[in-house]
Amino acid sequence: MAFRSFEDLEVWKRACALAVRVCKLLSGCRDYAFKDQMTRSALSIASNIAEGSERDSKAEFIRFLNIAKGSAAELRTQLYIAAEAKVIHAEESKELIREVKELSSMMHGLVKSIRK
């Protein structure tokens, strides 16, 4: 793999930025269970990328990237629901969903490159 640390990965940087956006967006949300679930999903994406990259095998890294992709799908679902429930603005939801889809695509590409 052509990186020294997870901090070098663009997908990790963008996943961190996404988590910060979600945390800020929901800072005033009074539905604490919903807020907690969404922030956990967002935090899990970057965290699993980091954890997997620090494992001692390509197979483990791939496994954690797939877990991160699962968290991304979870967050996308929650963003759809949050917009529909008027917890967040629809436009904000659409923008975040686009970013999560791009992150999922990036992780898929990273998995393919690791397998080669």
C-alpha atoms as a PDB file:
ATOM      1  CA  MET A   1       0.000   0.000   0.000  1.00  0.00           C
ATOM      2  CA  ALA A   2       1.260   3.437  -0.911  1.00  0.00           C
ATOM      3  CA  PHE A   3       0.634   5.298   2.336  1.00  0.00           C
ATOM      4  CA  ARG A   4       2.442   5.481   5.637  1.00  0.00           C
ATOM      5  CA  SER A   5      -0.444   6.126   7.970  1.00  0.00           C
ATOM      6  CA  PHE A   6      -4.207   6.457   7.878  1.00  0.00           C
ATOM      7  CA  GLU A   7      -3.715  10.220   8.291  1.00  0.00           C
ATOM      8  CA  ASP A   8      -2.358  10.204   4.724  1.00  0.00           C
ATOM      9  CA  LEU A   9      -5.579   8.753   3.285  1.00  0.00           C
ATOM     10  CA  GLU A  10      -7.909  11.244   1.618  1.00  0.00           C
ATOM     11  CA  VAL A  11     -10.889   9.035   2.434  1.00  0.00           C
ATOM     12  CA  TRP A  12     -10.023   9.202   6.153  1.00  0.00           C
ATOM     13  CA  LYS A  13      -9.614  13.007   6.023  1.00  0.00           C
ATOM     14  CA  ARG A  14     -12.976  13.420   4.333  1.00  0.00           C
ATOM     15  CA  ALA A  15     -14.646  10.977   6.720  1.00  0.00           C
ATOM     16  CA  CYS A  16     -13.335  13.038   9.648  1.00  0.00           C
ATOM     17  CA  ALA A  17     -14.643  16.234   8.071  1.00  0.00           C
ATOM     18  CA  LEU A  18     -18.025  14.560   7.556  1.00  0.00           C
ATOM     19  CA  ALA A  19     -18.164  13.496  11.206  1.00  0.00           C
ATOM     20  CA  VAL A  20     -17.420  17.056  12.318  1.00  0.00           C
ATOM     21  CA  ARG A  21     -20.192  18.388  10.037  1.00  0.00           C
ATOM     22  CA  VAL A  22     -22.712  15.901  11.400  1.00  0.00           C
ATOM     23  CA  CYS A  23     -21.762  16.677  15.003  1.00  0.00           C
ATOM     24  CA  LYS A  24     -22.100  20.420  14.405  1.00  0.00           C
ATOM     25  CA  LEU A  25     -25.326  20.025  12.450  1.00  0.00           C
ATOM     26  CA  LEU A  26     -26.937  18.076  15.268  1.00  0.00           C
ATOM     27  CA  SER A  27     -25.498  20.071  18.161  1.00  0.00           C
ATOM     28  CA  GLY A  28     -28.872  21.657  18.902  1.00  0.00           C
ATOM     29  CA  CYS A  29     -30.971  18.551  18.251  1.00  0.00           C
ATOM     30  CA  ARG A  30     -33.198  17.712  21.212  1.00  0.00           C
ATOM     31  CA  ASP A  31     -33.877  14.153  20.123  1.00  0.00           C
ATOM     32  CA  TYR A  32     -30.853  12.784  21.935  1.00  0.00           C
ATOM     33  CA  ALA A  33     -31.284   9.172  20.844  1.00  0.00           C
ATOM     34  CA  PHE A  34     -31.447  10.177  17.172  1.00  0.00           C
ATOM     35  CA  LYS A  35     -28.537  12.589  17.575  1.00  0.00           C
ATOM     36  CA  ASP A  36     -26.459   9.927  19.346  1.00  0.00           C
ATOM     37  CA  GLN A  37     -27.151   7.297  16.695  1.00  0.00           C
ATOM     38  CA  MET A  38     -26.279   9.615  13.800  1.00  0.00           C
ATOM     39  CA  THR A  39     -23.100  10.915  15.393  1.00  0.00           C
ATOM     40  CA  ARG A  40     -22.017   7.372  16.234  1.00  0.00           C
ATOM     41  CA  SER A  41     -22.519   6.306  12.624  1.00  0.00           C
ATOM     42  CA  ALA A  42     -20.575   9.298  11.338  1.00  0.00           C
ATOM     43  CA  LEU A  43     -17.736   8.799  13.826  1.00  0.00           C
ATOM     44  CA  SER A  44     -17.585   5.094  13.027  1.00  0.00           C
ATOM     45  CA  ILE A  45     -16.665   5.649   9.382  1.00  0.00           C
ATOM     46  CA  ALA A  46     -13.359   7.418  10.028  1.00  0.00           C
ATOM     47  CA  SER A  47     -12.645   5.347  13.131  1.00  0.00           C
ATOM     48  CA  ASN A  48     -12.938   2.044  11.271  1.00  0.00           C
ATOM     49  CA  ILE A  49     -10.747   3.268   8.428  1.00  0.00           C
ATOM     50  CA  ALA A  50      -8.090   4.198  10.979  1.00  0.00           C
ATOM     51  CA  GLU A  51      -8.399   0.996  12.985  1.00  0.00           C
ATOM     52  CA  GLY A  52      -8.265  -1.224   9.925  1.00  0.00           C
ATOM     53  CA  SER A  53      -5.205   0.499   8.527  1.00  0.00           C
ATOM     54  CA  GLU A  54      -3.337  -0.149  11.761  1.00  0.00           C
ATOM     55  CA  ARG A  55      -4.034  -3.882  11.660  1.00  0.00           C
ATOM     56  CA  ASP A  56      -1.256  -6.188  10.547  1.00  0.00           C
ATOM     57  CA  SER A  57      -2.899  -7.604   7.456  1.00  0.00           C
ATOM     58  CA  LYS A  58      -4.530  -6.553   4.240  1.00  0.00           C
ATOM     59  CA  ALA A  59      -7.476  -8.837   5.028  1.00  0.00           C
ATOM     60  CA  GLU A  60      -8.107  -7.022   8.311  1.00  0.00           C
ATOM     61  CA  PHE A  61      -7.877  -3.630   6.621  1.00  0.00           C
ATOM     62  CA  ILE A  62     -10.416  -4.763   4.040  1.00  0.00           C
ATOM     63  CA  ARG A  63     -12.692  -6.096   6.786  1.00  0.00           C
ATOM     64  CA  PHE A  64     -12.633  -2.748   8.609  1.00  0.00           C
ATOM     65  CA  LEU A  65     -13.179  -0.824   5.368  1.00  0.00           C
ATOM     66  CA  ASN A  66     -16.280  -2.930   4.820  1.00  0.00           C
ATOM     67  CA  ILE A  67     -17.433  -2.140   8.358  1.00  0.00           C
ATOM     68  CA  ALA A  68     -16.865   1.562   7.588  1.00  0.00           C
ATOM     69  CA  LYS A  69     -18.945   1.168   4.408  1.00  0.00           C
ATOM     70  CA  GLY A  70     -21.702  -0.345   6.523  1.00  0.00           C
ATOM     71  CA  SER A  71     -21.588   2.650   8.853  1.00  0.00           C
ATOM     72  CA  ALA A  72     -21.776   4.916   5.812  1.00  0.00           C
ATOM     73  CA  ALA A  73     -24.938   3.126   4.651  1.00  0.00           C
ATOM     74  CA  GLU A  74     -26.371   3.465   8.147  1.00  0.00           C
ATOM     75  CA  LEU A  75     -25.632   7.200   8.167  1.00  0.00           C
ATOM     76  CA  ARG A  76     -27.190   7.652   4.712  1.00  0.00           C
ATOM     77  CA  THR A  77     -30.364   5.984   5.950  1.00  0.00           C
ATOM     78  CA  GLN A  78     -30.446   8.231   8.997  1.00  0.00           C
ATOM     79  CA  LEU A  79     -29.938  11.314   6.835  1.00  0.00           C
ATOM     80  CA  TYR A  80     -32.933  10.369   4.696  1.00  0.00           C
ATOM     81  CA  ILE A  81     -35.027   9.889   7.829  1.00  0.00           C
ATOM     82  CA  ALA A  82     -33.746  13.102   9.440  1.00  0.00           C
ATOM     83  CA  ALA A  83     -34.760  15.126   6.387  1.00  0.00           C
ATOM     84  CA  GLU A  84     -38.177  13.494   6.201  1.00  0.00           C
ATOM     85  CA  ALA A  85     -38.733  14.056   9.948  1.00  0.00           C
ATOM     86  CA  LYS A  86     -37.590  17.684   9.578  1.00  0.00           C
ATOM     87  CA  VAL A  87     -34.700  17.151  11.997  1.00  0.00           C
ATOM     88  CA  ILE A  88     -32.396  18.663   9.352  1.00  0.00           C
ATOM     89  CA  HIS A  89     -33.080  20.620   6.162  1.00  0.00           C
ATOM     90  CA  ALA A  90     -33.601  18.536   3.038  1.00  0.00           C
ATOM     91  CA  GLU A  91     -30.847  20.358   1.134  1.00  0.00           C
ATOM     92  CA  GLU A  92     -28.342  19.724   3.916  1.00  0.00           C
ATOM     93  CA  SER A  93     -29.340  16.065   3.916  1.00  0.00           C
ATOM     94  CA  LYS A  94     -28.892  15.787   0.136  1.00  0.00           C
ATOM     95  CA  GLU A  95     -25.443  17.359   0.314  1.00  0.00           C
ATOM     96  CA  LEU A  96     -24.336  15.036   3.122  1.00  0.00           C
ATOM     97  CA  ILE A  97     -25.769  11.999   1.348  1.00  0.00           C
ATOM     98  CA  ARG A  98     -23.726  12.885  -1.758  1.00  0.00           C
ATOM     99  CA  GLU A  99     -20.581  13.082   0.375  1.00  0.00           C
ATOM    100  CA  VAL A 100     -21.318   9.756   2.091  1.00  0.00           C
ATOM    101  CA  LYS A 101     -21.861   8.105  -1.305  1.00  0.00           C
ATOM    102  CA  GLU A 102     -18.516   9.464  -2.507  1.00  0.00           C
ATOM    103  CA  LEU A 103     -16.811   8.147   0.621  1.00  0.00           C
ATOM    104  CA  SER A 104     -18.370   4.714   0.052  1.00  0.00           C
ATOM    105  CA  SER A 105     -17.087   4.750  -3.515  1.00  0.00           C
ATOM    106  CA  MET A 106     -13.624   5.757  -2.332  1.00  0.00           C
ATOM    107  CA  MET A 107     -13.584   2.933   0.220  1.00  0.00           C
ATOM    108  CA  HIS A 108     -14.710   0.474  -2.468  1.00  0.00           C
ATOM    109  CA  GLY A 109     -11.847   1.628  -4.678  1.00  0.00           C
ATOM    110  CA  LEU A 110      -9.401   1.296  -1.794  1.00  0.00           C
ATOM    111  CA  VAL A 111     -10.561  -2.265  -1.149  1.00  0.00           C
ATOM    112  CA  LYS A 112     -10.040  -3.096  -4.844  1.00  0.00           C
ATOM    113  CA  SER A 113      -6.532  -1.604  -4.797  1.00  0.00           C
ATOM    114  CA  ILE A 114      -5.597  -3.521  -1.636  1.00  0.00           C
ATOM    115  CA  ARG A 115      -6.756  -6.802  -3.189  1.00  0.00           C
ATOM    116  CA  LYS A 116      -4.460  -6.344  -6.213  1.00  0.00           C
END
